[in-house]
Amino acid sequence: MPAPSNQSPSNIGPTIGDEVAFSEVVRLIAVSREKAIQAVNTALIDLYWQIGATISRKIEAAEWGDGVVDRLAKFIARTEPGLRGFTRRNLFRMKQFYEAHREDPIVSPLVAQLPWSHHLIILGQSKRPEEREFYVRLAIRERWSKRELERQFKTALFERAVLSRPKVSPLVTQMYPEALSVFRDAYNVEFLGLPLRSSRLRPTS
């Protein structure tokens, strides 16, 4: 006669039905965590925007000079000990961030959707407003990590996708009028895994 099991129901592993229900709970936790992170990021970017706006307006109105920003950084460090990210250098970055997007009604509503680290990369490496908008939009749409955003800058995605015109044969253009607009976007070529070095698809400046 088999010995009675000393396992209580609580010691038994989850059943297949439990796995499904438990996975749903874990999914809810993950979704809630993502929302919380996004809310914190939105509040932080809004704060940096407002600080940048304040500094920019004060300097433009000749109420503040560059030296005042240094004193502001020291004041924040003294009154908020342990609070990081408000050095003189970062305060001027907030000013740059505000001035780069303040007159762009299309991009300015989007900036809160990206982390501050992404904005620093875009501000530091973009050469023109169109390039900033290009990377802001794609980073949001594709949910790029910081590393992936840096990689796209290194591969000169903007130059390949926007500033270069690919070669499309007259026959293809005649048969498919939309071909040029499709192949002009080198991002689509990369996404589809098509060879950029093909003579028909290689961008030309």
C-alpha atoms as a PDB file:
ATOM      1  CA  MET A   1       0.000   0.000   0.000  1.00  0.00           C
ATOM      2  CA  PRO A   2       1.581   3.321  -1.066  1.00  0.00           C
ATOM      3  CA  ALA A   3       2.564   5.724   1.664  1.00  0.00           C
ATOM      4  CA  PRO A   4       0.274   8.708   1.985  1.00  0.00           C
ATOM      5  CA  SER A   5       1.610  11.874   0.420  1.00  0.00           C
ATOM      6  CA  ASN A   6       2.592  14.587   2.863  1.00  0.00           C
ATOM      7  CA  GLN A   7       2.273  17.295   0.197  1.00  0.00           C
ATOM      8  CA  SER A   8      -0.402  19.879   0.849  1.00  0.00           C
ATOM      9  CA  PRO A   9      -2.133  21.609  -2.093  1.00  0.00           C
ATOM     10  CA  SER A  10       0.088  24.625  -1.477  1.00  0.00           C
ATOM     11  CA  ASN A  11       3.202  22.535  -2.124  1.00  0.00           C
ATOM     12  CA  ILE A  12       1.997  21.244  -5.473  1.00  0.00           C
ATOM     13  CA  GLY A  13       3.296  23.061  -8.541  1.00  0.00           C
ATOM     14  CA  PRO A  14       0.961  25.108 -10.755  1.00  0.00           C
ATOM     15  CA  THR A  15      -1.285  23.253 -13.149  1.00  0.00           C
ATOM     16  CA  ILE A  16      -1.651  24.128 -16.826  1.00  0.00           C
ATOM     17  CA  GLY A  17      -4.736  26.156 -15.957  1.00  0.00           C
ATOM     18  CA  ASP A  18      -2.804  27.957 -13.233  1.00  0.00           C
ATOM     19  CA  GLU A  19       0.005  28.783 -15.666  1.00  0.00           C
ATOM     20  CA  VAL A  20      -2.426  30.598 -17.951  1.00  0.00           C
ATOM     21  CA  ALA A  21      -4.006  32.576 -15.111  1.00  0.00           C
ATOM     22  CA  PHE A  22      -0.663  33.337 -13.471  1.00  0.00           C
ATOM     23  CA  SER A  23       0.819  34.516 -16.779  1.00  0.00           C
ATOM     24  CA  GLU A  24      -2.028  36.997 -17.118  1.00  0.00           C
ATOM     25  CA  VAL A  25      -1.272  38.400 -13.656  1.00  0.00           C
ATOM     26  CA  VAL A  26       2.426  38.718 -14.531  1.00  0.00           C
ATOM     27  CA  ARG A  27       1.454  40.486 -17.759  1.00  0.00           C
ATOM     28  CA  LEU A  28      -0.656  42.981 -15.780  1.00  0.00           C
ATOM     29  CA  ILE A  29       2.303  43.665 -13.503  1.00  0.00           C
ATOM     30  CA  ALA A  30       4.583  44.270 -16.497  1.00  0.00           C
ATOM     31  CA  VAL A  31       2.073  46.610 -18.164  1.00  0.00           C
ATOM     32  CA  SER A  32       1.602  48.567 -14.936  1.00  0.00           C
ATOM     33  CA  ARG A  33       5.351  48.855 -14.444  1.00  0.00           C
ATOM     34  CA  GLU A  34       5.802  50.141 -17.997  1.00  0.00           C
ATOM     35  CA  LYS A  35       3.083  52.745 -17.464  1.00  0.00           C
ATOM     36  CA  ALA A  36       4.726  53.880 -14.232  1.00  0.00           C
ATOM     37  CA  ILE A  37       8.108  54.213 -15.921  1.00  0.00           C
ATOM     38  CA  GLN A  38       6.555  56.205 -18.769  1.00  0.00           C
ATOM     39  CA  ALA A  39       4.751  58.483 -16.313  1.00  0.00           C
ATOM     40  CA  VAL A  40       7.980  59.187 -14.454  1.00  0.00           C
ATOM     41  CA  ASN A  41       9.808  59.833 -17.726  1.00  0.00           C
ATOM     42  CA  THR A  42       7.062  62.198 -18.923  1.00  0.00           C
ATOM     43  CA  ALA A  43       7.236  64.164 -15.674  1.00  0.00           C
ATOM     44  CA  LEU A  44      11.044  64.319 -15.835  1.00  0.00           C
ATOM     45  CA  ILE A  45      11.155  65.504 -19.457  1.00  0.00           C
ATOM     46  CA  ASP A  46       8.487  68.106 -18.663  1.00  0.00           C
ATOM     47  CA  LEU A  47      10.609  69.318 -15.747  1.00  0.00           C
ATOM     48  CA  TYR A  48      13.724  69.590 -17.924  1.00  0.00           C
ATOM     49  CA  TRP A  49      11.677  71.436 -20.560  1.00  0.00           C
ATOM     50  CA  GLN A  50      10.433  73.982 -18.007  1.00  0.00           C
ATOM     51  CA  ILE A  51      13.887  74.499 -16.508  1.00  0.00           C
ATOM     52  CA  GLY A  52      15.352  74.918 -19.985  1.00  0.00           C
ATOM     53  CA  ALA A  53      12.624  77.406 -20.845  1.00  0.00           C
ATOM     54  CA  THR A  54      13.260  79.425 -17.697  1.00  0.00           C
ATOM     55  CA  ILE A  55      17.009  79.606 -18.281  1.00  0.00           C
ATOM     56  CA  SER A  56      16.580  80.428 -21.977  1.00  0.00           C
ATOM     57  CA  ARG A  57      14.118  83.251 -21.355  1.00  0.00           C
ATOM     58  CA  LYS A  58      16.171  84.745 -18.531  1.00  0.00           C
ATOM     59  CA  ILE A  59      19.322  84.784 -20.656  1.00  0.00           C
ATOM     60  CA  GLU A  60      17.526  86.106 -23.751  1.00  0.00           C
ATOM     61  CA  ALA A  61      16.027  88.920 -21.667  1.00  0.00           C
ATOM     62  CA  ALA A  62      19.514  89.729 -20.343  1.00  0.00           C
ATOM     63  CA  GLU A  63      18.280  89.072 -16.813  1.00  0.00           C
ATOM     64  CA  TRP A  64      20.819  86.265 -16.405  1.00  0.00           C
ATOM     65  CA  GLY A  65      24.309  85.695 -17.692  1.00  0.00           C
ATOM     66  CA  ASP A  66      26.102  82.383 -18.043  1.00  0.00           C
ATOM     67  CA  GLY A  67      27.548  82.816 -14.570  1.00  0.00           C
ATOM     68  CA  VAL A  68      24.075  82.790 -13.050  1.00  0.00           C
ATOM     69  CA  VAL A  69      23.534  79.230 -14.294  1.00  0.00           C
ATOM     70  CA  ASP A  70      26.638  78.150 -12.426  1.00  0.00           C
ATOM     71  CA  ARG A  71      25.280  79.737  -9.250  1.00  0.00           C
ATOM     72  CA  LEU A  72      21.921  78.052  -9.874  1.00  0.00           C
ATOM     73  CA  ALA A  73      23.604  74.655 -10.098  1.00  0.00           C
ATOM     74  CA  LYS A  74      25.409  75.286  -6.803  1.00  0.00           C
ATOM     75  CA  PHE A  75      22.174  76.484  -5.175  1.00  0.00           C
ATOM     76  CA  ILE A  76      20.337  73.313  -6.219  1.00  0.00           C
ATOM     77  CA  ALA A  77      23.203  71.160  -4.943  1.00  0.00           C
ATOM     78  CA  ARG A  78      23.112  72.956  -1.592  1.00  0.00           C
ATOM     79  CA  THR A  79      19.348  72.985  -1.112  1.00  0.00           C
ATOM     80  CA  GLU A  80      18.715  69.516  -2.554  1.00  0.00           C
ATOM     81  CA  PRO A  81      21.689  67.427  -1.383  1.00  0.00           C
ATOM     82  CA  GLY A  82      21.905  64.061  -3.096  1.00  0.00           C
ATOM     83  CA  LEU A  83      19.860  65.213  -6.097  1.00  0.00           C
ATOM     84  CA  ARG A  84      21.795  64.408  -9.248  1.00  0.00           C
ATOM     85  CA  GLY A  85      21.525  65.680 -12.816  1.00  0.00           C
ATOM     86  CA  PHE A  86      21.438  69.424 -12.205  1.00  0.00           C
ATOM     87  CA  THR A  87      25.031  70.394 -12.814  1.00  0.00           C
ATOM     88  CA  ARG A  88      25.901  73.520 -14.792  1.00  0.00           C
ATOM     89  CA  ARG A  89      26.527  71.380 -17.865  1.00  0.00           C
ATOM     90  CA  ASN A  90      23.182  69.604 -17.619  1.00  0.00           C
ATOM     91  CA  LEU A  91      21.294  72.839 -17.010  1.00  0.00           C
ATOM     92  CA  PHE A  92      22.701  74.206 -20.268  1.00  0.00           C
ATOM     93  CA  ARG A  93      21.669  70.956 -21.959  1.00  0.00           C
ATOM     94  CA  MET A  94      18.107  71.581 -20.761  1.00  0.00           C
ATOM     95  CA  LYS A  95      18.332  75.046 -22.288  1.00  0.00           C
ATOM     96  CA  GLN A  96      19.568  73.530 -25.559  1.00  0.00           C
ATOM     97  CA  PHE A  97      16.780  70.924 -25.454  1.00  0.00           C
ATOM     98  CA  TYR A  98      14.107  73.605 -25.059  1.00  0.00           C
ATOM     99  CA  GLU A  99      15.537  75.880 -27.736  1.00  0.00           C
ATOM    100  CA  ALA A 100      15.885  73.003 -30.217  1.00  0.00           C
ATOM    101  CA  HIS A 101      12.189  72.119 -30.086  1.00  0.00           C
ATOM    102  CA  ARG A 102      10.276  75.165 -28.826  1.00  0.00           C
ATOM    103  CA  GLU A 103       9.305  76.435 -32.297  1.00  0.00           C
ATOM    104  CA  ASP A 104       8.476  73.013 -33.710  1.00  0.00           C
ATOM    105  CA  PRO A 105       4.739  72.343 -33.162  1.00  0.00           C
ATOM    106  CA  ILE A 106       5.127  68.837 -34.584  1.00  0.00           C
ATOM    107  CA  VAL A 107       8.067  67.549 -32.570  1.00  0.00           C
ATOM    108  CA  SER A 108       7.583  69.355 -29.249  1.00  0.00           C
ATOM    109  CA  PRO A 109       4.519  67.263 -28.261  1.00  0.00           C
ATOM    110  CA  LEU A 110       6.523  64.076 -28.944  1.00  0.00           C
ATOM    111  CA  VAL A 111       9.603  64.730 -26.814  1.00  0.00           C
ATOM    112  CA  ALA A 112       8.101  63.370 -23.592  1.00  0.00           C
ATOM    113  CA  GLN A 113       7.890  59.927 -25.188  1.00  0.00           C
ATOM    114  CA  LEU A 114      11.682  59.493 -25.199  1.00  0.00           C
ATOM    115  CA  PRO A 115      14.096  59.156 -22.275  1.00  0.00           C
ATOM    116  CA  TRP A 116      16.498  61.995 -21.556  1.00  0.00           C
ATOM    117  CA  SER A 117      19.479  59.867 -22.639  1.00  0.00           C
ATOM    118  CA  HIS A 118      17.932  59.563 -26.121  1.00  0.00           C
ATOM    119  CA  HIS A 119      17.491  63.333 -26.366  1.00  0.00           C
ATOM    120  CA  LEU A 120      21.123  63.913 -25.436  1.00  0.00           C
ATOM    121  CA  ILE A 121      22.221  61.622 -28.269  1.00  0.00           C
ATOM    122  CA  ILE A 122      19.905  63.286 -30.798  1.00  0.00           C
ATOM    123  CA  LEU A 123      20.880  66.810 -29.745  1.00  0.00           C
ATOM    124  CA  GLY A 124      24.570  65.962 -29.755  1.00  0.00           C
ATOM    125  CA  GLN A 125      24.680  64.251 -33.144  1.00  0.00           C
ATOM    126  CA  SER A 126      21.982  65.865 -35.295  1.00  0.00           C
ATOM    127  CA  LYS A 127      23.120  68.616 -37.629  1.00  0.00           C
ATOM    128  CA  ARG A 128      19.751  70.074 -38.625  1.00  0.00           C
ATOM    129  CA  PRO A 129      16.133  70.281 -37.382  1.00  0.00           C
ATOM    130  CA  GLU A 130      14.901  67.757 -39.965  1.00  0.00           C
ATOM    131  CA  GLU A 131      17.431  65.238 -38.733  1.00  0.00           C
ATOM    132  CA  ARG A 132      16.321  65.716 -35.127  1.00  0.00           C
ATOM    133  CA  GLU A 133      12.698  65.171 -36.092  1.00  0.00           C
ATOM    134  CA  PHE A 134      13.638  62.095 -38.130  1.00  0.00           C
ATOM    135  CA  TYR A 135      15.372  60.393 -35.217  1.00  0.00           C
ATOM    136  CA  VAL A 136      12.790  61.454 -32.633  1.00  0.00           C
ATOM    137  CA  ARG A 137       9.967  59.969 -34.686  1.00  0.00           C
ATOM    138  CA  LEU A 138      11.782  56.736 -35.526  1.00  0.00           C
ATOM    139  CA  ALA A 139      13.079  56.214 -31.994  1.00  0.00           C
ATOM    140  CA  ILE A 140       9.495  56.477 -30.722  1.00  0.00           C
ATOM    141  CA  ARG A 141       7.968  54.328 -33.448  1.00  0.00           C
ATOM    142  CA  GLU A 142      10.579  51.577 -33.297  1.00  0.00           C
ATOM    143  CA  ARG A 143      11.078  51.772 -29.518  1.00  0.00           C
ATOM    144  CA  TRP A 144      14.835  52.001 -29.977  1.00  0.00           C
ATOM    145  CA  SER A 145      17.104  51.476 -27.020  1.00  0.00           C
ATOM    146  CA  LYS A 146      19.901  53.951 -26.389  1.00  0.00           C
ATOM    147  CA  ARG A 147      22.383  51.539 -27.979  1.00  0.00           C
ATOM    148  CA  GLU A 148      20.213  51.072 -31.081  1.00  0.00           C
ATOM    149  CA  LEU A 149      19.781  54.834 -31.501  1.00  0.00           C
ATOM    150  CA  GLU A 150      23.544  55.283 -31.360  1.00  0.00           C
ATOM    151  CA  ARG A 151      23.951  52.522 -33.936  1.00  0.00           C
ATOM    152  CA  GLN A 152      21.551  54.243 -36.330  1.00  0.00           C
ATOM    153  CA  PHE A 153      23.567  57.458 -36.097  1.00  0.00           C
ATOM    154  CA  LYS A 154      26.781  55.534 -36.792  1.00  0.00           C
ATOM    155  CA  THR A 155      25.233  53.979 -39.902  1.00  0.00           C
ATOM    156  CA  ALA A 156      24.111  57.458 -41.087  1.00  0.00           C
ATOM    157  CA  LEU A 157      20.498  56.354 -41.434  1.00  0.00           C
ATOM    158  CA  PHE A 158      19.213  59.899 -41.999  1.00  0.00           C
ATOM    159  CA  GLU A 159      21.653  60.542 -44.835  1.00  0.00           C
ATOM    160  CA  ARG A 160      20.787  57.232 -46.490  1.00  0.00           C
ATOM    161  CA  ALA A 161      17.037  57.555 -46.036  1.00  0.00           C
ATOM    162  CA  VAL A 162      16.431  61.233 -46.732  1.00  0.00           C
ATOM    163  CA  LEU A 163      19.424  62.938 -48.320  1.00  0.00           C
ATOM    164  CA  SER A 164      20.280  60.245 -50.854  1.00  0.00           C
ATOM    165  CA  ARG A 165      18.340  59.318 -53.966  1.00  0.00           C
ATOM    166  CA  PRO A 166      18.511  55.668 -55.040  1.00  0.00           C
ATOM    167  CA  LYS A 167      18.805  54.617 -58.665  1.00  0.00           C
ATOM    168  CA  VAL A 168      15.570  53.203 -60.028  1.00  0.00           C
ATOM    169  CA  SER A 169      15.430  52.221 -63.673  1.00  0.00           C
ATOM    170  CA  PRO A 170      13.075  54.202 -65.987  1.00  0.00           C
ATOM    171  CA  LEU A 171      11.214  50.979 -66.787  1.00  0.00           C
ATOM    172  CA  VAL A 172      10.479  50.313 -63.123  1.00  0.00           C
ATOM    173  CA  THR A 173       9.409  53.922 -62.614  1.00  0.00           C
ATOM    174  CA  GLN A 174       7.074  53.699 -65.616  1.00  0.00           C
ATOM    175  CA  MET A 175       5.519  50.416 -64.492  1.00  0.00           C
ATOM    176  CA  TYR A 176       5.392  51.316 -60.799  1.00  0.00           C
ATOM    177  CA  PRO A 177       5.183  55.105 -60.314  1.00  0.00           C
ATOM    178  CA  GLU A 178       5.379  54.706 -56.531  1.00  0.00           C
ATOM    179  CA  ALA A 179       8.677  52.796 -56.706  1.00  0.00           C
ATOM    180  CA  LEU A 180      10.904  55.824 -56.212  1.00  0.00           C
ATOM    181  CA  SER A 181       9.102  56.950 -53.084  1.00  0.00           C
ATOM    182  CA  VAL A 182       9.352  53.449 -51.652  1.00  0.00           C
ATOM    183  CA  PHE A 183      13.013  52.846 -52.423  1.00  0.00           C
ATOM    184  CA  ARG A 184      14.016  56.376 -51.495  1.00  0.00           C
ATOM    185  CA  ASP A 185      13.391  55.370 -47.899  1.00  0.00           C
ATOM    186  CA  ALA A 186      16.541  53.397 -47.189  1.00  0.00           C
ATOM    187  CA  TYR A 187      15.034  52.470 -43.859  1.00  0.00           C
ATOM    188  CA  ASN A 188      12.520  50.302 -45.715  1.00  0.00           C
ATOM    189  CA  VAL A 189      15.388  48.690 -47.608  1.00  0.00           C
ATOM    190  CA  GLU A 190      17.170  47.887 -44.351  1.00  0.00           C
ATOM    191  CA  PHE A 191      13.954  46.649 -42.729  1.00  0.00           C
ATOM    192  CA  LEU A 192      13.200  44.318 -45.625  1.00  0.00           C
ATOM    193  CA  GLY A 193      16.718  42.958 -45.551  1.00  0.00           C
ATOM    194  CA  LEU A 194      17.422  44.008 -49.128  1.00  0.00           C
ATOM    195  CA  PRO A 195      21.064  44.501 -50.129  1.00  0.00           C
ATOM    196  CA  LEU A 196      21.969  48.177 -49.926  1.00  0.00           C
ATOM    197  CA  ARG A 197      25.031  47.509 -52.075  1.00  0.00           C
ATOM    198  CA  SER A 198      22.967  46.359 -55.046  1.00  0.00           C
ATOM    199  CA  SER A 199      23.667  48.600 -58.024  1.00  0.00           C
ATOM    200  CA  ARG A 200      19.954  49.343 -58.383  1.00  0.00           C
ATOM    201  CA  LEU A 201      19.429  50.235 -54.735  1.00  0.00           C
ATOM    202  CA  ARG A 202      22.717  51.865 -53.795  1.00  0.00           C
ATOM    203  CA  PRO A 203      21.991  55.483 -52.695  1.00  0.00           C
ATOM    204  CA  THR A 204      23.776  58.223 -54.568  1.00  0.00           C
ATOM    205  CA  SER A 205      24.443  61.711 -53.269  1.00  0.00           C
END
